[in-house]
Amino acid sequence: LAAPLGMDPMEFAALRVAVLNGMGEYAIARAVVQDVD
């Protein structure tokens, strides 16, 4: 996904990963952060 206009892509990614962690989807969360340098 592309971040909303005006939102830092890193903030958008961090919010998504935090939600995945809260859901117990740690492997998917790790995969998403690995998509970012």
PDB file of all heavy atoms in Angstrom:
ATOM      1  N   LEU A   1       0.826  -1.198   0.000  1.00  0.00           N
ATOM      2  CA  LEU A   1       0.000   0.000   0.000  1.00  0.00           C
ATOM      3  C   LEU A   1       0.863   1.252   0.000  1.00  0.00           C
ATOM      4  O   LEU A   1       1.951   1.275   0.591  1.00  0.00           O
ATOM      5  CB  LEU A   1      -0.917   0.021   1.228  1.00  0.00           C
ATOM      6  CG  LEU A   1      -1.943  -1.109   1.346  1.00  0.00           C
ATOM      7  CD1 LEU A   1      -2.686  -0.998   2.665  1.00  0.00           C
ATOM      8  CD2 LEU A   1      -2.919  -1.082   0.175  1.00  0.00           C
ATOM      9  N   ALA A   2       0.341   2.285  -0.650  1.00  0.00           N
ATOM     10  CA  ALA A   2       0.966   3.600  -0.591  1.00  0.00           C
ATOM     11  C   ALA A   2       0.403   4.356   0.602  1.00  0.00           C
ATOM     12  O   ALA A   2      -0.773   4.231   0.939  1.00  0.00           O
ATOM     13  CB  ALA A   2       0.698   4.371  -1.879  1.00  0.00           C
ATOM     14  N   ALA A   3       1.243   5.139   1.239  1.00  0.00           N
ATOM     15  CA  ALA A   3       0.811   5.906   2.406  1.00  0.00           C
ATOM     16  C   ALA A   3      -0.121   7.025   1.973  1.00  0.00           C
ATOM     17  O   ALA A   3      -0.036   7.535   0.849  1.00  0.00           O
ATOM     18  CB  ALA A   3       2.021   6.478   3.135  1.00  0.00           C
ATOM     19  N   PRO A   4      -1.037   7.439   2.836  1.00  0.00           N
ATOM     20  CA  PRO A   4      -1.885   8.594   2.512  1.00  0.00           C
ATOM     21  C   PRO A   4      -1.043   9.839   2.272  1.00  0.00           C
ATOM     22  O   PRO A   4       0.050   9.998   2.837  1.00  0.00           O
ATOM     23  CB  PRO A   4      -2.770   8.747   3.760  1.00  0.00           C
ATOM     24  CG  PRO A   4      -2.734   7.414   4.427  1.00  0.00           C
ATOM     25  CD  PRO A   4      -1.384   6.843   4.137  1.00  0.00           C
ATOM     26  N   LEU A   5      -1.555  10.731   1.445  1.00  0.00           N
ATOM     27  CA  LEU A   5      -0.836  11.963   1.167  1.00  0.00           C
ATOM     28  C   LEU A   5      -0.636  12.744   2.465  1.00  0.00           C
ATOM     29  O   LEU A   5      -1.573  12.930   3.245  1.00  0.00           O
ATOM     30  CB  LEU A   5      -1.614  12.813   0.157  1.00  0.00           C
ATOM     31  CG  LEU A   5      -1.691  12.269  -1.277  1.00  0.00           C
ATOM     32  CD1 LEU A   5      -2.558  13.163  -2.139  1.00  0.00           C
ATOM     33  CD2 LEU A   5      -0.297  12.140  -1.878  1.00  0.00           C
ATOM     34  N   GLY A   6       0.587  13.183   2.684  1.00  0.00           N
ATOM     35  CA  GLY A   6       0.897  13.939   3.879  1.00  0.00           C
ATOM     36  C   GLY A   6       1.399  13.094   5.034  1.00  0.00           C
ATOM     37  O   GLY A   6       1.875  13.653   6.030  1.00  0.00           O
ATOM     38  N   MET A   7       1.295  11.778   4.951  1.00  0.00           N
ATOM     39  CA  MET A   7       1.771  10.909   6.027  1.00  0.00           C
ATOM     40  C   MET A   7       3.130  10.331   5.666  1.00  0.00           C
ATOM     41  O   MET A   7       3.345   9.882   4.537  1.00  0.00           O
ATOM     42  CB  MET A   7       0.779   9.775   6.303  1.00  0.00           C
ATOM     43  CG  MET A   7       1.234   8.815   7.405  1.00  0.00           C
ATOM     44  SD  MET A   7       0.106   7.428   7.715  1.00  0.00           S
ATOM     45  CE  MET A   7      -1.137   8.258   8.688  1.00  0.00           C
ATOM     46  N   ASP A   8       4.031  10.350   6.619  1.00  0.00           N
ATOM     47  CA  ASP A   8       5.348   9.758   6.428  1.00  0.00           C
ATOM     48  C   ASP A   8       5.189   8.256   6.179  1.00  0.00           C
ATOM     49  O   ASP A   8       4.525   7.568   6.964  1.00  0.00           O
ATOM     50  CB  ASP A   8       6.195  10.006   7.670  1.00  0.00           C
ATOM     51  CG  ASP A   8       7.616   9.472   7.539  1.00  0.00           C
ATOM     52  OD1 ASP A   8       7.954   8.923   6.471  1.00  0.00           O
ATOM     53  OD2 ASP A   8       8.385   9.588   8.504  1.00  0.00           O
ATOM     54  N   PRO A   9       5.762   7.723   5.099  1.00  0.00           N
ATOM     55  CA  PRO A   9       5.641   6.281   4.851  1.00  0.00           C
ATOM     56  C   PRO A   9       6.139   5.426   6.007  1.00  0.00           C
ATOM     57  O   PRO A   9       5.617   4.331   6.238  1.00  0.00           O
ATOM     58  CB  PRO A   9       6.493   6.071   3.593  1.00  0.00           C
ATOM     59  CG  PRO A   9       6.513   7.394   2.915  1.00  0.00           C
ATOM     60  CD  PRO A   9       6.482   8.406   4.012  1.00  0.00           C
ATOM     61  N   MET A  10       7.142   5.930   6.758  1.00  0.00           N
ATOM     62  CA  MET A  10       7.640   5.159   7.897  1.00  0.00           C
ATOM     63  C   MET A  10       6.624   5.130   9.032  1.00  0.00           C
ATOM     64  O   MET A  10       6.485   4.128   9.729  1.00  0.00           O
ATOM     65  CB  MET A  10       8.959   5.750   8.390  1.00  0.00           C
ATOM     66  CG  MET A  10      10.152   5.467   7.488  1.00  0.00           C
ATOM     67  SD  MET A  10      10.447   3.698   7.261  1.00  0.00           S
ATOM     68  CE  MET A  10       9.468   3.355   5.805  1.00  0.00           C
ATOM     69  N   GLU A  11       5.898   6.210   9.223  1.00  0.00           N
ATOM     70  CA  GLU A  11       4.845   6.213  10.239  1.00  0.00           C
ATOM     71  C   GLU A  11       3.730   5.255   9.835  1.00  0.00           C
ATOM     72  O   GLU A  11       3.211   4.502  10.675  1.00  0.00           O
ATOM     73  CB  GLU A  11       4.285   7.623  10.416  1.00  0.00           C
ATOM     74  CG  GLU A  11       3.181   7.696  11.462  1.00  0.00           C
ATOM     75  CD  GLU A  11       2.467   9.029  11.484  1.00  0.00           C
ATOM     76  OE1 GLU A  11       2.741   9.877  10.595  1.00  0.00           O
ATOM     77  OE2 GLU A  11       1.612   9.231  12.369  1.00  0.00           O
ATOM     78  N   PHE A  12       3.374   5.265   8.567  1.00  0.00           N
ATOM     79  CA  PHE A  12       2.334   4.357   8.069  1.00  0.00           C
ATOM     80  C   PHE A  12       2.746   2.904   8.254  1.00  0.00           C
ATOM     81  O   PHE A  12       1.960   2.072   8.718  1.00  0.00           O
ATOM     82  CB  PHE A  12       2.079   4.670   6.595  1.00  0.00           C
ATOM     83  CG  PHE A  12       0.966   3.878   5.966  1.00  0.00           C
ATOM     84  CD1 PHE A  12      -0.272   3.784   6.579  1.00  0.00           C
ATOM     85  CD2 PHE A  12       1.170   3.228   4.756  1.00  0.00           C
ATOM     86  CE1 PHE A  12      -1.301   3.057   5.996  1.00  0.00           C
ATOM     87  CE2 PHE A  12       0.146   2.499   4.167  1.00  0.00           C
ATOM     88  CZ  PHE A  12      -1.090   2.415   4.790  1.00  0.00           C
ATOM     89  N   ALA A  13       3.999   2.596   7.928  1.00  0.00           N
ATOM     90  CA  ALA A  13       4.486   1.224   8.100  1.00  0.00           C
ATOM     91  C   ALA A  13       4.531   0.840   9.570  1.00  0.00           C
ATOM     92  O   ALA A  13       4.160  -0.282   9.947  1.00  0.00           O
ATOM     93  CB  ALA A  13       5.864   1.077   7.462  1.00  0.00           C
ATOM     94  N   ALA A  14       4.983   1.745  10.431  1.00  0.00           N
ATOM     95  CA  ALA A  14       5.074   1.443  11.864  1.00  0.00           C
ATOM     96  C   ALA A  14       3.697   1.181  12.459  1.00  0.00           C
ATOM     97  O   ALA A  14       3.529   0.265  13.287  1.00  0.00           O
ATOM     98  CB  ALA A  14       5.758   2.598  12.592  1.00  0.00           C
ATOM     99  N   LEU A  15       2.695   1.946  12.063  1.00  0.00           N
ATOM    100  CA  LEU A  15       1.339   1.737  12.572  1.00  0.00           C
ATOM    101  C   LEU A  15       0.800   0.380  12.141  1.00  0.00           C
ATOM    102  O   LEU A  15       0.170  -0.346  12.922  1.00  0.00           O
ATOM    103  CB  LEU A  15       0.423   2.859  12.089  1.00  0.00           C
ATOM    104  CG  LEU A  15       0.641   4.239  12.729  1.00  0.00           C
ATOM    105  CD1 LEU A  15      -0.156   5.301  11.980  1.00  0.00           C
ATOM    106  CD2 LEU A  15       0.245   4.219  14.191  1.00  0.00           C
ATOM    107  N   ARG A  16       1.054   0.002  10.898  1.00  0.00           N
ATOM    108  CA  ARG A  16       0.572  -1.292  10.404  1.00  0.00           C
ATOM    109  C   ARG A  16       1.251  -2.453  11.129  1.00  0.00           C
ATOM    110  O   ARG A  16       0.596  -3.433  11.509  1.00  0.00           O
ATOM    111  CB  ARG A  16       0.818  -1.383   8.889  1.00  0.00           C
ATOM    112  CG  ARG A  16      -0.058  -0.458   8.070  1.00  0.00           C
ATOM    113  CD  ARG A  16       0.496  -0.241   6.674  1.00  0.00           C
ATOM    114  NE  ARG A  16       0.644  -1.488   5.950  1.00  0.00           N
ATOM    115  CZ  ARG A  16       1.283  -1.589   4.783  1.00  0.00           C
ATOM    116  NH1 ARG A  16       1.848  -0.520   4.239  1.00  0.00           N
ATOM    117  NH2 ARG A  16       1.370  -2.741   4.165  1.00  0.00           N
ATOM    118  N   VAL A  17       2.550  -2.342  11.310  1.00  0.00           N
ATOM    119  CA  VAL A  17       3.281  -3.417  11.990  1.00  0.00           C
ATOM    120  C   VAL A  17       2.825  -3.538  13.443  1.00  0.00           C
ATOM    121  O   VAL A  17       2.696  -4.651  13.978  1.00  0.00           O
ATOM    122  CB  VAL A  17       4.800  -3.160  11.904  1.00  0.00           C
ATOM    123  CG1 VAL A  17       5.571  -4.167  12.744  1.00  0.00           C
ATOM    124  CG2 VAL A  17       5.266  -3.226  10.454  1.00  0.00           C
ATOM    125  N   ALA A  18       2.556  -2.408  14.087  1.00  0.00           N
ATOM    126  CA  ALA A  18       2.081  -2.452  15.467  1.00  0.00           C
ATOM    127  C   ALA A  18       0.726  -3.154  15.564  1.00  0.00           C
ATOM    128  O   ALA A  18       0.476  -3.908  16.516  1.00  0.00           O
ATOM    129  CB  ALA A  18       1.991  -1.035  16.030  1.00  0.00           C
ATOM    130  N   VAL A  19      -0.156  -2.929  14.596  1.00  0.00           N
ATOM    131  CA  VAL A  19      -1.459  -3.612  14.599  1.00  0.00           C
ATOM    132  C   VAL A  19      -1.270  -5.116  14.396  1.00  0.00           C
ATOM    133  O   VAL A  19      -1.911  -5.935  15.058  1.00  0.00           O
ATOM    134  CB  VAL A  19      -2.383  -3.023  13.518  1.00  0.00           C
ATOM    135  CG1 VAL A  19      -3.692  -3.810  13.447  1.00  0.00           C
ATOM    136  CG2 VAL A  19      -2.681  -1.560  13.813  1.00  0.00           C
ATOM    137  N   LEU A  20      -0.387  -5.496  13.487  1.00  0.00           N
ATOM    138  CA  LEU A  20      -0.107  -6.921  13.269  1.00  0.00           C
ATOM    139  C   LEU A  20       0.433  -7.567  14.541  1.00  0.00           C
ATOM    140  O   LEU A  20       0.064  -8.699  14.878  1.00  0.00           O
ATOM    141  CB  LEU A  20       0.884  -7.087  12.118  1.00  0.00           C
ATOM    142  CG  LEU A  20       0.338  -6.845  10.706  1.00  0.00           C
ATOM    143  CD1 LEU A  20       1.474  -6.751   9.699  1.00  0.00           C
ATOM    144  CD2 LEU A  20      -0.622  -7.973  10.305  1.00  0.00           C
ATOM    145  N   ASN A  21       1.313  -6.865  15.241  1.00  0.00           N
ATOM    146  CA  ASN A  21       1.812  -7.400  16.509  1.00  0.00           C
ATOM    147  C   ASN A  21       0.683  -7.581  17.512  1.00  0.00           C
ATOM    148  O   ASN A  21       0.628  -8.585  18.231  1.00  0.00           O
ATOM    149  CB  ASN A  21       2.879  -6.468  17.091  1.00  0.00           C
ATOM    150  CG  ASN A  21       4.204  -6.555  16.361  1.00  0.00           C
ATOM    151  OD1 ASN A  21       4.507  -7.559  15.713  1.00  0.00           O
ATOM    152  ND2 ASN A  21       5.001  -5.512  16.463  1.00  0.00           N
ATOM    153  N   GLY A  22      -0.216  -6.616  17.594  1.00  0.00           N
ATOM    154  CA  GLY A  22      -1.326  -6.723  18.517  1.00  0.00           C
ATOM    155  C   GLY A  22      -2.259  -7.870  18.202  1.00  0.00           C
ATOM    156  O   GLY A  22      -2.912  -8.414  19.097  1.00  0.00           O
ATOM    157  N   MET A  23      -2.309  -8.262  16.937  1.00  0.00           N
ATOM    158  CA  MET A  23      -3.141  -9.390  16.512  1.00  0.00           C
ATOM    159  C   MET A  23      -2.438 -10.732  16.688  1.00  0.00           C
ATOM    160  O   MET A  23      -3.058 -11.776  16.502  1.00  0.00           O
ATOM    161  CB  MET A  23      -3.531  -9.210  15.042  1.00  0.00           C
ATOM    162  CG  MET A  23      -4.414  -8.014  14.767  1.00  0.00           C
ATOM    163  SD  MET A  23      -4.547  -7.636  12.991  1.00  0.00           S
ATOM    164  CE  MET A  23      -5.089  -9.206  12.324  1.00  0.00           C
ATOM    165  N   GLY A  24      -1.160 -10.713  17.028  1.00  0.00           N
ATOM    166  CA  GLY A  24      -0.400 -11.956  17.155  1.00  0.00           C
ATOM    167  C   GLY A  24       0.214 -12.428  15.861  1.00  0.00           C
ATOM    168  O   GLY A  24       0.724 -13.551  15.788  1.00  0.00           O
ATOM    169  N   GLU A  25       0.206 -11.588  14.824  1.00  0.00           N
ATOM    170  CA  GLU A  25       0.768 -11.956  13.515  1.00  0.00           C
ATOM    171  C   GLU A  25       2.216 -11.476  13.426  1.00  0.00           C
ATOM    172  O   GLU A  25       2.577 -10.635  12.597  1.00  0.00           O
ATOM    173  CB  GLU A  25      -0.077 -11.352  12.392  1.00  0.00           C
ATOM    174  CG  GLU A  25      -1.456 -11.957  12.253  1.00  0.00           C
ATOM    175  CD  GLU A  25      -1.425 -13.375  11.686  1.00  0.00           C
ATOM    176  OE1 GLU A  25      -0.334 -13.816  11.260  1.00  0.00           O
ATOM    177  OE2 GLU A  25      -2.480 -14.029  11.662  1.00  0.00           O
ATOM    178  N   TYR A  26       3.066 -12.054  14.251  1.00  0.00           N
ATOM    179  CA  TYR A  26       4.446 -11.580  14.341  1.00  0.00           C
ATOM    180  C   TYR A  26       5.260 -11.940  13.101  1.00  0.00           C
ATOM    181  O   TYR A  26       6.127 -11.158  12.694  1.00  0.00           O
ATOM    182  CB  TYR A  26       5.098 -12.149  15.598  1.00  0.00           C
ATOM    183  CG  TYR A  26       4.366 -11.775  16.855  1.00  0.00           C
ATOM    184  CD1 TYR A  26       3.570 -12.704  17.529  1.00  0.00           C
ATOM    185  CD2 TYR A  26       4.429 -10.491  17.370  1.00  0.00           C
ATOM    186  CE1 TYR A  26       2.879 -12.367  18.684  1.00  0.00           C
ATOM    187  CE2 TYR A  26       3.741 -10.135  18.519  1.00  0.00           C
ATOM    188  CZ  TYR A  26       2.968 -11.079  19.167  1.00  0.00           C
ATOM    189  OH  TYR A  26       2.271 -10.734  20.298  1.00  0.00           O
ATOM    190  N   ALA A  27       5.008 -13.075  12.506  1.00  0.00           N
ATOM    191  CA  ALA A  27       5.761 -13.452  11.307  1.00  0.00           C
ATOM    192  C   ALA A  27       5.430 -12.518  10.151  1.00  0.00           C
ATOM    193  O   ALA A  27       6.318 -12.120   9.386  1.00  0.00           O
ATOM    194  CB  ALA A  27       5.451 -14.901  10.934  1.00  0.00           C
ATOM    195  N   ILE A  28       4.156 -12.148  10.005  1.00  0.00           N
ATOM    196  CA  ILE A  28       3.771 -11.219   8.946  1.00  0.00           C
ATOM    197  C   ILE A  28       4.332  -9.837   9.239  1.00  0.00           C
ATOM    198  O   ILE A  28       4.788  -9.125   8.331  1.00  0.00           O
ATOM    199  CB  ILE A  28       2.241 -11.164   8.806  1.00  0.00           C
ATOM    200  CG1 ILE A  28       1.685 -12.571   8.540  1.00  0.00           C
ATOM    201  CG2 ILE A  28       1.845 -10.225   7.684  1.00  0.00           C
ATOM    202  CD1 ILE A  28       2.179 -13.202   7.271  1.00  0.00           C
ATOM    203  N   ALA A  29       4.313  -9.435  10.503  1.00  0.00           N
ATOM    204  CA  ALA A  29       4.889  -8.140  10.878  1.00  0.00           C
ATOM    205  C   ALA A  29       6.373  -8.093  10.523  1.00  0.00           C
ATOM    206  O   ALA A  29       6.866  -7.080  10.004  1.00  0.00           O
ATOM    207  CB  ALA A  29       4.683  -7.890  12.367  1.00  0.00           C
ATOM    208  N   ARG A  30       7.087  -9.155  10.792  1.00  0.00           N
ATOM    209  CA  ARG A  30       8.513  -9.199  10.453  1.00  0.00           C
ATOM    210  C   ARG A  30       8.709  -9.101   8.947  1.00  0.00           C
ATOM    211  O   ARG A  30       9.623  -8.415   8.462  1.00  0.00           O
ATOM    212  CB  ARG A  30       9.134 -10.498  10.978  1.00  0.00           C
ATOM    213  CG  ARG A  30      10.620 -10.631  10.694  1.00  0.00           C
ATOM    214  CD  ARG A  30      11.153 -11.979  11.123  1.00  0.00           C
ATOM    215  NE  ARG A  30      10.516 -13.070  10.405  1.00  0.00           N
ATOM    216  CZ  ARG A  30      10.930 -14.335  10.429  1.00  0.00           C
ATOM    217  NH1 ARG A  30      11.967 -14.669  11.154  1.00  0.00           N
ATOM    218  NH2 ARG A  30      10.294 -15.262   9.754  1.00  0.00           N
ATOM    219  N   ALA A  31       7.851  -9.762   8.182  1.00  0.00           N
ATOM    220  CA  ALA A  31       7.974  -9.705   6.724  1.00  0.00           C
ATOM    221  C   ALA A  31       7.743  -8.291   6.202  1.00  0.00           C
ATOM    222  O   ALA A  31       8.407  -7.852   5.257  1.00  0.00           O
ATOM    223  CB  ALA A  31       6.983 -10.680   6.087  1.00  0.00           C
ATOM    224  N   VAL A  32       6.811  -7.558   6.808  1.00  0.00           N
ATOM    225  CA  VAL A  32       6.535  -6.193   6.353  1.00  0.00           C
ATOM    226  C   VAL A  32       7.728  -5.283   6.649  1.00  0.00           C
ATOM    227  O   VAL A  32       8.132  -4.484   5.799  1.00  0.00           O
ATOM    228  CB  VAL A  32       5.251  -5.659   7.008  1.00  0.00           C
ATOM    229  CG1 VAL A  32       5.070  -4.174   6.693  1.00  0.00           C
ATOM    230  CG2 VAL A  32       4.033  -6.441   6.521  1.00  0.00           C
ATOM    231  N   VAL A  33       8.326  -5.388   7.843  1.00  0.00           N
ATOM    232  CA  VAL A  33       9.466  -4.519   8.150  1.00  0.00           C
ATOM    233  C   VAL A  33      10.669  -4.882   7.291  1.00  0.00           C
ATOM    234  O   VAL A  33      11.497  -4.019   6.988  1.00  0.00           O
ATOM    235  CB  VAL A  33       9.832  -4.581   9.651  1.00  0.00           C
ATOM    236  CG1 VAL A  33       8.669  -4.136  10.505  1.00  0.00           C
ATOM    237  CG2 VAL A  33      10.294  -5.963  10.063  1.00  0.00           C
ATOM    238  N   GLN A  34      10.773  -6.118   6.874  1.00  0.00           N
ATOM    239  CA  GLN A  34      11.888  -6.508   6.010  1.00  0.00           C
ATOM    240  C   GLN A  34      11.731  -5.954   4.599  1.00  0.00           C
ATOM    241  O   GLN A  34      12.675  -6.000   3.815  1.00  0.00           O
ATOM    242  CB  GLN A  34      12.004  -8.033   5.963  1.00  0.00           C
ATOM    243  CG  GLN A  34      12.569  -8.635   7.242  1.00  0.00           C
ATOM    244  CD  GLN A  34      12.583 -10.147   7.224  1.00  0.00           C
ATOM    245  OE1 GLN A  34      11.829 -10.775   6.480  1.00  0.00           O
ATOM    246  NE2 GLN A  34      13.415 -10.741   8.048  1.00  0.00           N
ATOM    247  N   ASP A  35      10.555  -5.431   4.282  1.00  0.00           N
ATOM    248  CA  ASP A  35      10.347  -4.798   2.981  1.00  0.00           C
ATOM    249  C   ASP A  35      10.842  -3.352   2.981  1.00  0.00           C
ATOM    250  O   ASP A  35      10.748  -2.682   1.962  1.00  0.00           O
ATOM    251  CB  ASP A  35       8.858  -4.844   2.615  1.00  0.00           C
ATOM    252  CG  ASP A  35       8.604  -4.499   1.161  1.00  0.00           C
ATOM    253  OD1 ASP A  35       9.274  -5.093   0.292  1.00  0.00           O
ATOM    254  OD2 ASP A  35       7.746  -3.630   0.885  1.00  0.00           O
ATOM    255  N   VAL A  36      11.342  -2.889   4.106  1.00  0.00           N
ATOM    256  CA  VAL A  36      11.851  -1.522   4.240  1.00  0.00           C
ATOM    257  C   VAL A  36      13.344  -1.588   4.555  1.00  0.00           C
ATOM    258  O   VAL A  36      13.762  -2.342   5.438  1.00  0.00           O
ATOM    259  CB  VAL A  36      11.113  -0.763   5.360  1.00  0.00           C
ATOM    260  CG1 VAL A  36      11.633   0.669   5.467  1.00  0.00           C
ATOM    261  CG2 VAL A  36       9.613  -0.768   5.113  1.00  0.00           C
ATOM    262  N   ASP A  37      14.158  -0.835   3.840  1.00  0.00           N
ATOM    263  CA  ASP A  37      15.591  -0.780   4.133  1.00  0.00           C
ATOM    264  C   ASP A  37      15.802  -0.294   5.560  1.00  0.00           C
ATOM    265  O   ASP A  37      15.182   0.685   6.003  1.00  0.00           O
ATOM    266  CB  ASP A  37      16.298   0.168   3.164  1.00  0.00           C
ATOM    267  CG  ASP A  37      16.292  -0.357   1.732  1.00  0.00           C
ATOM    268  OD1 ASP A  37      15.935  -1.533   1.542  1.00  0.00           O
ATOM    269  OD2 ASP A  37      16.617   0.424   0.817  1.00  0.00           O
TER     270      ASP A  37
END
